[in-house]
Amino acid sequence: MTVAASVQFVSRPIVARVIRVRDDPITYDGWCWLDVYQLDAKGDATERRTIYVRPDGLRRGAMNT
């Protein structure tokens, strides 16, 4: 996730796996809350986070199966 998704990633973009899109908090139009696992360089989950982002600013990565 980069600054295109949210200003919280301006200095440090992250890679994350989405767990779920939250629909319980009210958001501004074009924004959403996501529960994610933040991933390290090997693709391992290192932290669970709830983040507020613009979905149109997210980039889809390769899916590991």
N, C-alpha and C. Protein backbone atom coordinates (compact mmCIF):
# COMPACT_ATOMS: atom_id res chain seq x y z
N MET A 1 0.85 -1.16 0.00
CA MET A 1 0.00 0.00 0.00
C MET A 1 0.90 1.22 0.00
N THR A 2 0.53 2.17 -0.82
CA THR A 2 1.31 3.38 -0.96
C THR A 2 0.45 4.59 -0.64
N VAL A 3 1.02 5.76 -0.83
CA VAL A 3 0.31 7.00 -0.57
C VAL A 3 -0.96 7.11 -1.43
N ALA A 4 -1.02 6.39 -2.54
CA ALA A 4 -2.24 6.41 -3.37
C ALA A 4 -3.44 5.85 -2.60
N ALA A 5 -3.18 4.97 -1.63
CA ALA A 5 -4.26 4.40 -0.82
C ALA A 5 -4.57 5.25 0.41
N SER A 6 -3.53 5.88 0.99
CA SER A 6 -3.72 6.69 2.19
C SER A 6 -2.43 7.43 2.53
N VAL A 7 -2.57 8.62 3.08
CA VAL A 7 -1.38 9.39 3.45
C VAL A 7 -0.58 8.72 4.56
N GLN A 8 -1.16 7.77 5.27
CA GLN A 8 -0.42 7.08 6.32
C GLN A 8 0.74 6.27 5.77
N PHE A 9 0.76 6.04 4.44
CA PHE A 9 1.82 5.26 3.82
C PHE A 9 2.79 6.13 3.02
N VAL A 10 2.81 7.43 3.25
CA VAL A 10 3.65 8.34 2.48
C VAL A 10 5.14 8.06 2.70
N SER A 11 5.54 7.78 3.92
CA SER A 11 6.96 7.57 4.17
C SER A 11 7.35 6.09 4.20
N ARG A 12 6.37 5.21 4.37
CA ARG A 12 6.69 3.79 4.46
C ARG A 12 5.56 2.94 3.88
N PRO A 13 5.62 2.65 2.60
CA PRO A 13 4.60 1.76 2.01
C PRO A 13 4.67 0.38 2.65
N ILE A 14 3.56 -0.36 2.63
CA ILE A 14 3.53 -1.71 3.19
C ILE A 14 2.91 -2.67 2.18
N VAL A 15 3.17 -3.94 2.42
CA VAL A 15 2.51 -5.02 1.69
C VAL A 15 1.63 -5.71 2.71
N ALA A 16 0.39 -5.98 2.33
CA ALA A 16 -0.55 -6.57 3.29
C ALA A 16 -1.48 -7.55 2.59
N ARG A 17 -1.97 -8.49 3.38
CA ARG A 17 -2.98 -9.45 2.92
C ARG A 17 -4.29 -9.04 3.57
N VAL A 18 -5.32 -8.83 2.76
CA VAL A 18 -6.62 -8.41 3.29
C VAL A 18 -7.32 -9.59 3.92
N ILE A 19 -7.78 -9.40 5.16
CA ILE A 19 -8.55 -10.40 5.87
C ILE A 19 -10.03 -10.18 5.59
N ARG A 20 -10.45 -8.92 5.74
CA ARG A 20 -11.85 -8.60 5.46
C ARG A 20 -12.02 -7.10 5.28
N VAL A 21 -13.06 -6.76 4.56
CA VAL A 21 -13.50 -5.37 4.43
C VAL A 21 -14.54 -5.14 5.50
N ARG A 22 -14.31 -4.15 6.33
CA ARG A 22 -15.24 -3.87 7.43
C ARG A 22 -16.36 -2.96 6.94
N ASP A 23 -17.59 -3.30 7.31
CA ASP A 23 -18.72 -2.47 6.91
C ASP A 23 -19.40 -1.83 8.11
N ASP A 24 -18.87 -2.09 9.31
CA ASP A 24 -19.51 -1.53 10.50
C ASP A 24 -19.18 -0.06 10.75
N PRO A 25 -17.95 0.42 10.58
CA PRO A 25 -17.74 1.86 10.79
C PRO A 25 -18.23 2.66 9.58
N ILE A 26 -18.79 3.81 9.83
CA ILE A 26 -19.23 4.69 8.75
C ILE A 26 -18.00 5.37 8.17
N THR A 27 -17.94 5.47 6.85
CA THR A 27 -16.78 6.07 6.19
C THR A 27 -17.21 7.15 5.22
N TYR A 28 -16.24 7.92 4.78
CA TYR A 28 -16.49 8.88 3.71
C TYR A 28 -16.59 8.11 2.40
N ASP A 29 -17.32 8.67 1.44
CA ASP A 29 -17.47 8.04 0.13
C ASP A 29 -16.10 7.82 -0.50
N GLY A 30 -15.85 6.61 -0.98
CA GLY A 30 -14.59 6.29 -1.62
C GLY A 30 -13.51 5.79 -0.67
N TRP A 31 -13.85 5.60 0.61
CA TRP A 31 -12.90 5.10 1.60
C TRP A 31 -13.49 3.87 2.28
N CYS A 32 -12.64 3.02 2.87
CA CYS A 32 -13.13 1.86 3.62
C CYS A 32 -12.13 1.46 4.68
N TRP A 33 -12.62 0.70 5.66
CA TRP A 33 -11.78 0.11 6.69
C TRP A 33 -11.47 -1.33 6.27
N LEU A 34 -10.20 -1.71 6.40
CA LEU A 34 -9.78 -3.08 6.10
C LEU A 34 -9.07 -3.68 7.31
N ASP A 35 -9.33 -4.94 7.58
CA ASP A 35 -8.50 -5.71 8.50
C ASP A 35 -7.49 -6.44 7.63
N VAL A 36 -6.20 -6.29 7.95
CA VAL A 36 -5.14 -6.87 7.12
C VAL A 36 -4.07 -7.50 7.99
N TYR A 37 -3.28 -8.38 7.37
CA TYR A 37 -2.02 -8.84 7.93
C TYR A 37 -0.93 -8.11 7.18
N GLN A 38 -0.07 -7.39 7.90
CA GLN A 38 1.08 -6.76 7.26
C GLN A 38 2.12 -7.84 7.02
N LEU A 39 2.72 -7.84 5.83
CA LEU A 39 3.65 -8.88 5.42
C LEU A 39 5.08 -8.37 5.38
N ASP A 40 6.04 -9.26 5.69
CA ASP A 40 7.45 -8.90 5.58
C ASP A 40 7.94 -9.22 4.17
N ALA A 41 9.24 -9.06 3.93
CA ALA A 41 9.82 -9.26 2.60
C ALA A 41 9.66 -10.69 2.10
N LYS A 42 9.52 -11.67 3.01
CA LYS A 42 9.33 -13.07 2.61
C LYS A 42 7.86 -13.41 2.40
N GLY A 43 6.96 -12.47 2.70
CA GLY A 43 5.53 -12.72 2.55
C GLY A 43 4.88 -13.31 3.79
N ASP A 44 5.62 -13.32 4.90
CA ASP A 44 5.07 -13.83 6.16
C ASP A 44 4.34 -12.71 6.91
N ALA A 45 3.23 -13.05 7.52
CA ALA A 45 2.47 -12.08 8.30
C ALA A 45 3.25 -11.73 9.56
N THR A 46 3.40 -10.42 9.82
CA THR A 46 4.14 -9.97 11.00
C THR A 46 3.27 -9.18 11.97
N GLU A 47 2.15 -8.66 11.49
CA GLU A 47 1.31 -7.83 12.34
C GLU A 47 -0.10 -7.79 11.77
N ARG A 48 -1.09 -7.80 12.65
CA ARG A 48 -2.47 -7.61 12.22
C ARG A 48 -2.82 -6.15 12.44
N ARG A 49 -3.44 -5.52 11.43
CA ARG A 49 -3.77 -4.10 11.51
C ARG A 49 -5.16 -3.84 10.96
N THR A 50 -5.77 -2.76 11.41
CA THR A 50 -6.98 -2.23 10.81
C THR A 50 -6.60 -0.89 10.21
N ILE A 51 -6.83 -0.73 8.91
CA ILE A 51 -6.39 0.48 8.21
C ILE A 51 -7.55 1.11 7.46
N TYR A 52 -7.45 2.40 7.26
CA TYR A 52 -8.46 3.20 6.57
C TYR A 52 -7.85 3.63 5.24
N VAL A 53 -8.42 3.18 4.13
CA VAL A 53 -7.81 3.39 2.82
C VAL A 53 -8.83 3.72 1.74
N ARG A 54 -8.30 4.21 0.62
CA ARG A 54 -9.09 4.37 -0.60
C ARG A 54 -8.85 3.13 -1.46
N PRO A 55 -9.86 2.30 -1.66
CA PRO A 55 -9.67 1.06 -2.43
C PRO A 55 -9.11 1.29 -3.84
N ASP A 56 -9.46 2.41 -4.47
CA ASP A 56 -8.95 2.65 -5.82
C ASP A 56 -7.45 2.96 -5.82
N GLY A 57 -6.85 3.18 -4.66
CA GLY A 57 -5.41 3.41 -4.56
C GLY A 57 -4.62 2.15 -4.24
N LEU A 58 -5.30 1.02 -4.03
CA LEU A 58 -4.63 -0.24 -3.72
C LEU A 58 -4.15 -0.92 -5.00
N ARG A 59 -3.05 -1.66 -4.87
CA ARG A 59 -2.55 -2.45 -5.99
C ARG A 59 -2.58 -3.92 -5.60
N ARG A 60 -3.07 -4.74 -6.49
CA ARG A 60 -3.13 -6.18 -6.22
C ARG A 60 -1.78 -6.81 -6.53
N GLY A 61 -1.30 -7.63 -5.60
CA GLY A 61 -0.04 -8.34 -5.80
C GLY A 61 -0.29 -9.77 -6.19
N ALA A 62 0.80 -10.51 -6.31
CA ALA A 62 0.70 -11.93 -6.62
C ALA A 62 0.09 -12.66 -5.44
N MET A 63 -0.77 -13.61 -5.74
CA MET A 63 -1.40 -14.41 -4.68
C MET A 63 -0.61 -15.70 -4.51
N ASN A 64 -0.23 -15.98 -3.27
CA ASN A 64 0.45 -17.23 -2.96
C ASN A 64 -0.58 -18.29 -2.65
N THR A 65 -0.43 -19.47 -3.25
CA THR A 65 -1.38 -20.55 -2.96
C THR A 65 -0.66 -21.77 -2.49
